[in-house]
N, C-alpha and C. Protein backbone atom coordinates (compact mmCIF):
# COMPACT_ATOMS: atom_id res chain seq x y z
N MET A 1 6.29 -7.45 -60.40
CA MET A 1 6.60 -6.12 -59.92
C MET A 1 7.60 -6.21 -58.77
N SER A 2 8.39 -5.18 -58.63
CA SER A 2 9.44 -5.20 -57.63
C SER A 2 8.91 -4.96 -56.23
N LYS A 3 9.69 -5.42 -55.26
CA LYS A 3 9.32 -5.19 -53.85
C LYS A 3 9.34 -3.70 -53.53
N THR A 4 10.21 -2.94 -54.19
CA THR A 4 10.26 -1.50 -53.95
C THR A 4 8.95 -0.84 -54.36
N PHE A 5 8.39 -1.24 -55.49
CA PHE A 5 7.12 -0.70 -55.94
C PHE A 5 6.03 -0.95 -54.91
N TRP A 6 5.95 -2.19 -54.42
CA TRP A 6 4.91 -2.54 -53.45
C TRP A 6 5.14 -1.84 -52.11
N ALA A 7 6.39 -1.60 -51.76
CA ALA A 7 6.67 -0.84 -50.54
C ALA A 7 6.18 0.60 -50.70
N LEU A 8 6.35 1.17 -51.88
CA LEU A 8 5.86 2.53 -52.13
C LEU A 8 4.33 2.58 -52.14
N VAL A 9 3.69 1.54 -52.67
CA VAL A 9 2.24 1.48 -52.63
C VAL A 9 1.77 1.44 -51.18
N ALA A 10 2.41 0.61 -50.36
CA ALA A 10 2.06 0.52 -48.94
C ALA A 10 2.28 1.86 -48.25
N LYS A 11 3.37 2.54 -48.60
CA LYS A 11 3.67 3.85 -48.02
C LYS A 11 2.59 4.87 -48.40
N TYR A 12 2.15 4.83 -49.66
CA TYR A 12 1.08 5.74 -50.08
C TYR A 12 -0.22 5.44 -49.34
N ILE A 13 -0.57 4.19 -49.24
CA ILE A 13 -1.81 3.81 -48.54
C ILE A 13 -1.77 4.29 -47.09
N MET A 14 -0.63 4.09 -46.44
CA MET A 14 -0.49 4.55 -45.06
C MET A 14 -0.65 6.08 -44.99
N THR A 15 0.04 6.79 -45.88
CA THR A 15 -0.02 8.25 -45.88
C THR A 15 -1.45 8.73 -46.16
N PHE A 16 -2.12 8.09 -47.11
CA PHE A 16 -3.48 8.47 -47.46
C PHE A 16 -4.46 8.21 -46.31
N VAL A 17 -4.38 7.03 -45.71
CA VAL A 17 -5.30 6.70 -44.62
C VAL A 17 -5.11 7.64 -43.43
N LEU A 18 -3.87 7.92 -43.08
CA LEU A 18 -3.62 8.84 -41.97
C LEU A 18 -4.11 10.25 -42.30
N ALA A 19 -3.93 10.68 -43.55
CA ALA A 19 -4.43 12.00 -43.96
C ALA A 19 -5.95 12.03 -43.96
N TRP A 20 -6.57 10.94 -44.40
CA TRP A 20 -8.03 10.88 -44.40
C TRP A 20 -8.57 10.95 -42.97
N LEU A 21 -7.91 10.26 -42.05
CA LEU A 21 -8.36 10.29 -40.66
C LEU A 21 -8.24 11.68 -40.06
N THR A 22 -7.15 12.36 -40.35
CA THR A 22 -6.92 13.67 -39.72
C THR A 22 -7.56 14.83 -40.49
N PHE A 23 -7.45 14.83 -41.80
CA PHE A 23 -7.96 15.97 -42.56
C PHE A 23 -9.34 15.72 -43.16
N GLY A 24 -9.68 14.47 -43.36
CA GLY A 24 -10.99 14.14 -43.90
C GLY A 24 -12.03 13.98 -42.81
N MET A 25 -11.74 13.12 -41.86
CA MET A 25 -12.71 12.85 -40.79
C MET A 25 -12.83 14.04 -39.83
N MET A 26 -11.71 14.65 -39.48
CA MET A 26 -11.74 15.74 -38.51
C MET A 26 -12.22 17.06 -39.11
N LEU A 27 -11.80 17.33 -40.36
CA LEU A 27 -12.07 18.65 -40.94
C LEU A 27 -12.95 18.61 -42.18
N ASP A 28 -13.38 17.44 -42.57
CA ASP A 28 -14.31 17.27 -43.70
C ASP A 28 -13.76 17.84 -45.00
N ASN A 29 -12.48 17.56 -45.30
CA ASN A 29 -11.88 17.98 -46.56
C ASN A 29 -12.21 16.96 -47.65
N PRO A 30 -12.17 17.38 -48.92
CA PRO A 30 -12.49 16.48 -50.03
C PRO A 30 -11.49 15.33 -50.15
N LEU A 31 -12.02 14.14 -50.37
CA LEU A 31 -11.20 12.94 -50.45
C LEU A 31 -10.21 12.99 -51.62
N GLY A 32 -10.64 13.54 -52.75
CA GLY A 32 -9.76 13.64 -53.91
C GLY A 32 -8.55 14.52 -53.64
N THR A 33 -8.77 15.62 -52.96
CA THR A 33 -7.66 16.51 -52.61
C THR A 33 -6.72 15.83 -51.64
N ILE A 34 -7.28 15.14 -50.68
CA ILE A 34 -6.45 14.41 -49.71
C ILE A 34 -5.59 13.38 -50.44
N GLY A 35 -6.18 12.67 -51.39
CA GLY A 35 -5.44 11.66 -52.15
C GLY A 35 -4.30 12.26 -52.96
N MET A 36 -4.56 13.40 -53.60
CA MET A 36 -3.51 14.05 -54.41
C MET A 36 -2.37 14.57 -53.53
N VAL A 37 -2.71 15.20 -52.42
CA VAL A 37 -1.67 15.73 -51.54
C VAL A 37 -0.92 14.59 -50.86
N ALA A 38 -1.61 13.50 -50.53
CA ALA A 38 -0.96 12.33 -49.95
C ALA A 38 0.04 11.73 -50.93
N LEU A 39 -0.29 11.73 -52.22
CA LEU A 39 0.65 11.24 -53.23
C LEU A 39 1.90 12.11 -53.28
N LEU A 40 1.70 13.41 -53.24
CA LEU A 40 2.83 14.35 -53.22
C LEU A 40 3.69 14.13 -51.97
N ALA A 41 3.04 13.97 -50.82
CA ALA A 41 3.77 13.73 -49.57
C ALA A 41 4.53 12.41 -49.61
N THR A 42 3.93 11.38 -50.21
CA THR A 42 4.60 10.08 -50.31
C THR A 42 5.85 10.18 -51.16
N VAL A 43 5.74 10.83 -52.29
CA VAL A 43 6.90 10.98 -53.20
C VAL A 43 8.00 11.80 -52.52
N ALA A 44 7.62 12.90 -51.89
CA ALA A 44 8.61 13.74 -51.20
C ALA A 44 9.28 12.97 -50.06
N ASN A 45 8.49 12.25 -49.28
CA ASN A 45 9.07 11.49 -48.17
C ASN A 45 9.98 10.38 -48.67
N TYR A 46 9.64 9.78 -49.80
CA TYR A 46 10.50 8.73 -50.34
C TYR A 46 11.85 9.30 -50.78
N PHE A 47 11.81 10.38 -51.56
CA PHE A 47 13.06 10.93 -52.07
C PHE A 47 13.88 11.64 -51.00
N VAL A 48 13.24 12.37 -50.12
CA VAL A 48 13.98 13.10 -49.09
C VAL A 48 14.28 12.20 -47.89
N GLY A 49 13.23 11.61 -47.32
CA GLY A 49 13.40 10.83 -46.10
C GLY A 49 14.09 9.49 -46.30
N ASP A 50 13.58 8.70 -47.25
CA ASP A 50 14.10 7.34 -47.42
C ASP A 50 15.41 7.30 -48.19
N SER A 51 15.57 8.18 -49.16
CA SER A 51 16.77 8.14 -50.00
C SER A 51 17.93 8.98 -49.49
N LEU A 52 17.63 10.09 -48.82
CA LEU A 52 18.70 10.99 -48.36
C LEU A 52 18.94 10.93 -46.85
N ILE A 53 17.89 11.17 -46.07
CA ILE A 53 18.06 11.29 -44.63
C ILE A 53 18.30 9.94 -43.96
N TYR A 54 17.49 8.94 -44.33
CA TYR A 54 17.60 7.62 -43.68
C TYR A 54 19.01 7.03 -43.78
N PRO A 55 19.63 6.97 -44.96
CA PRO A 55 20.98 6.38 -45.01
C PRO A 55 22.03 7.17 -44.23
N ALA A 56 21.85 8.49 -44.16
CA ALA A 56 22.85 9.32 -43.50
C ALA A 56 22.66 9.42 -41.99
N PHE A 57 21.41 9.44 -41.52
CA PHE A 57 21.15 9.72 -40.11
C PHE A 57 20.39 8.65 -39.36
N GLY A 58 19.84 7.68 -40.06
CA GLY A 58 19.15 6.59 -39.38
C GLY A 58 17.65 6.76 -39.29
N ASN A 59 17.02 5.77 -38.67
CA ASN A 59 15.57 5.64 -38.65
C ASN A 59 14.86 6.77 -37.91
N ILE A 60 15.29 7.07 -36.72
CA ILE A 60 14.54 8.04 -35.90
C ILE A 60 14.57 9.43 -36.52
N ILE A 61 15.71 9.88 -36.96
CA ILE A 61 15.81 11.20 -37.59
C ILE A 61 15.01 11.23 -38.89
N ALA A 62 15.08 10.16 -39.67
CA ALA A 62 14.32 10.10 -40.93
C ALA A 62 12.82 10.10 -40.65
N ALA A 63 12.38 9.38 -39.63
CA ALA A 63 10.95 9.34 -39.30
C ALA A 63 10.47 10.71 -38.84
N ILE A 64 11.26 11.40 -38.04
CA ILE A 64 10.90 12.76 -37.61
C ILE A 64 10.83 13.68 -38.82
N GLY A 65 11.82 13.59 -39.69
CA GLY A 65 11.82 14.41 -40.90
C GLY A 65 10.62 14.11 -41.79
N ASP A 66 10.26 12.85 -41.92
CA ASP A 66 9.11 12.47 -42.73
C ASP A 66 7.81 13.05 -42.15
N GLY A 67 7.66 12.98 -40.84
CA GLY A 67 6.47 13.54 -40.21
C GLY A 67 6.38 15.04 -40.41
N LEU A 68 7.51 15.73 -40.24
CA LEU A 68 7.52 17.18 -40.43
C LEU A 68 7.27 17.56 -41.88
N LEU A 69 7.90 16.84 -42.81
CA LEU A 69 7.74 17.14 -44.23
C LEU A 69 6.30 16.89 -44.68
N ALA A 70 5.72 15.79 -44.27
CA ALA A 70 4.33 15.49 -44.65
C ALA A 70 3.37 16.55 -44.10
N ALA A 71 3.55 16.94 -42.85
CA ALA A 71 2.69 17.98 -42.27
C ALA A 71 2.88 19.31 -43.00
N ALA A 72 4.12 19.63 -43.36
CA ALA A 72 4.40 20.88 -44.08
C ALA A 72 3.75 20.87 -45.46
N ILE A 73 3.76 19.73 -46.12
CA ILE A 73 3.14 19.64 -47.45
C ILE A 73 1.63 19.87 -47.35
N PHE A 74 0.98 19.28 -46.35
CA PHE A 74 -0.45 19.51 -46.18
C PHE A 74 -0.74 20.95 -45.76
N TYR A 75 0.13 21.53 -44.98
CA TYR A 75 -0.02 22.93 -44.59
C TYR A 75 0.04 23.84 -45.82
N LEU A 76 1.02 23.59 -46.69
CA LEU A 76 1.15 24.39 -47.91
C LEU A 76 -0.02 24.13 -48.87
N ALA A 77 -0.52 22.91 -48.89
CA ALA A 77 -1.66 22.59 -49.75
C ALA A 77 -2.88 23.40 -49.36
N ALA A 78 -3.02 23.71 -48.10
CA ALA A 78 -4.16 24.51 -47.64
C ALA A 78 -4.12 25.92 -48.23
N PHE A 79 -2.93 26.42 -48.54
CA PHE A 79 -2.80 27.75 -49.12
C PHE A 79 -3.11 27.78 -50.61
N VAL A 80 -2.80 26.70 -51.31
CA VAL A 80 -2.94 26.72 -52.77
C VAL A 80 -4.16 25.95 -53.28
N THR A 81 -4.86 25.26 -52.39
CA THR A 81 -6.00 24.45 -52.81
C THR A 81 -7.29 25.04 -52.24
N PRO A 82 -8.22 25.38 -53.13
CA PRO A 82 -9.49 25.89 -52.63
C PRO A 82 -10.26 24.79 -51.88
N ASN A 83 -10.99 25.16 -50.90
CA ASN A 83 -11.83 24.25 -50.11
C ASN A 83 -11.04 23.18 -49.37
N PHE A 84 -9.80 23.46 -49.04
CA PHE A 84 -9.00 22.54 -48.23
C PHE A 84 -8.48 23.31 -47.03
N THR A 85 -8.80 22.83 -45.84
CA THR A 85 -8.41 23.54 -44.62
C THR A 85 -7.64 22.62 -43.69
N VAL A 86 -6.78 23.21 -42.91
CA VAL A 86 -6.05 22.50 -41.86
C VAL A 86 -6.08 23.36 -40.62
N ASP A 87 -5.84 22.75 -39.49
CA ASP A 87 -5.64 23.50 -38.26
C ASP A 87 -4.44 22.91 -37.53
N VAL A 88 -4.03 23.57 -36.49
CA VAL A 88 -2.82 23.15 -35.77
C VAL A 88 -2.98 21.73 -35.22
N GLN A 89 -4.13 21.43 -34.65
CA GLN A 89 -4.35 20.10 -34.08
C GLN A 89 -4.24 19.00 -35.13
N SER A 90 -4.86 19.20 -36.29
CA SER A 90 -4.81 18.16 -37.32
C SER A 90 -3.39 18.02 -37.87
N LEU A 91 -2.67 19.11 -38.02
CA LEU A 91 -1.30 19.04 -38.53
C LEU A 91 -0.38 18.31 -37.55
N VAL A 92 -0.50 18.62 -36.26
CA VAL A 92 0.33 17.95 -35.26
C VAL A 92 -0.01 16.47 -35.18
N LEU A 93 -1.29 16.15 -35.14
CA LEU A 93 -1.70 14.75 -35.10
C LEU A 93 -1.22 14.00 -36.33
N TYR A 94 -1.39 14.59 -37.50
CA TYR A 94 -0.94 13.95 -38.73
C TYR A 94 0.57 13.75 -38.71
N GLY A 95 1.32 14.77 -38.33
CA GLY A 95 2.77 14.65 -38.27
C GLY A 95 3.23 13.54 -37.34
N VAL A 96 2.60 13.42 -36.18
CA VAL A 96 2.95 12.36 -35.22
C VAL A 96 2.58 10.99 -35.77
N LEU A 97 1.40 10.88 -36.38
CA LEU A 97 1.00 9.59 -36.96
C LEU A 97 1.92 9.17 -38.09
N VAL A 98 2.31 10.10 -38.95
CA VAL A 98 3.24 9.78 -40.03
C VAL A 98 4.60 9.40 -39.45
N LEU A 99 5.05 10.12 -38.44
CA LEU A 99 6.32 9.79 -37.78
C LEU A 99 6.29 8.33 -37.31
N LEU A 100 5.23 7.94 -36.63
CA LEU A 100 5.13 6.56 -36.12
C LEU A 100 5.05 5.55 -37.27
N GLY A 101 4.24 5.86 -38.26
CA GLY A 101 4.11 4.96 -39.40
C GLY A 101 5.42 4.80 -40.16
N GLU A 102 6.11 5.91 -40.37
CA GLU A 102 7.39 5.86 -41.08
C GLU A 102 8.46 5.14 -40.27
N TYR A 103 8.42 5.25 -38.96
CA TYR A 103 9.38 4.53 -38.12
C TYR A 103 9.28 3.03 -38.39
N PHE A 104 8.05 2.52 -38.42
CA PHE A 104 7.87 1.09 -38.67
C PHE A 104 8.11 0.74 -40.13
N PHE A 105 7.77 1.66 -41.04
CA PHE A 105 8.08 1.43 -42.45
C PHE A 105 9.58 1.32 -42.65
N HIS A 106 10.35 2.18 -42.02
CA HIS A 106 11.81 2.13 -42.15
C HIS A 106 12.39 0.84 -41.58
N ARG A 107 11.77 0.33 -40.53
CA ARG A 107 12.23 -0.95 -39.97
C ARG A 107 12.03 -2.07 -40.99
N TYR A 108 10.89 -2.07 -41.68
CA TYR A 108 10.66 -3.04 -42.75
C TYR A 108 11.66 -2.82 -43.87
N PHE A 109 11.84 -1.58 -44.21
CA PHE A 109 12.75 -1.15 -45.26
C PHE A 109 14.16 -1.69 -45.00
N ALA A 110 14.62 -1.59 -43.76
CA ALA A 110 15.96 -2.05 -43.39
C ALA A 110 16.05 -3.57 -43.36
N ALA A 111 14.97 -4.24 -42.99
CA ALA A 111 14.99 -5.70 -42.88
C ALA A 111 14.89 -6.38 -44.23
N SER A 112 14.34 -5.71 -45.23
CA SER A 112 14.15 -6.32 -46.54
C SER A 112 15.31 -5.95 -47.45
N GLU A 113 16.03 -6.95 -47.87
CA GLU A 113 17.16 -6.71 -48.79
C GLU A 113 16.69 -6.48 -50.21
N GLU A 114 15.42 -6.78 -50.49
CA GLU A 114 14.90 -6.64 -51.84
C GLU A 114 14.31 -5.26 -52.11
N VAL A 115 14.13 -4.47 -51.05
CA VAL A 115 13.60 -3.11 -51.21
C VAL A 115 14.78 -2.16 -51.26
N GLU A 116 14.84 -1.38 -52.33
CA GLU A 116 15.96 -0.46 -52.49
C GLU A 116 15.50 0.96 -52.18
N PRO A 117 16.43 1.78 -51.66
CA PRO A 117 16.07 3.18 -51.41
C PRO A 117 15.87 3.95 -52.68
């Protein structure tokens, strides 16, 4: 399997764990819903943040965009998913945690010549 695939798996695991900590542990949301929305956030962050924003604007702007996009996806999920709730504190915490995680993910991304955007 390619290094890009494993990088995406690591990105999903990071996104899922951070979402579980903020939306599962803090707000007692269903784990399955968190997993599905985390997958959506991972895919969106890969295509928007890693493929478009990162090459054009660099790591910090891409990490900020990834944090905002991931928080926005979970915010929208609360509107369309029954029994899934968010609050301002969990969204801000999640966005900041994703921002930090993506910053370090992008550093790995840039250092590895085998991982493609």
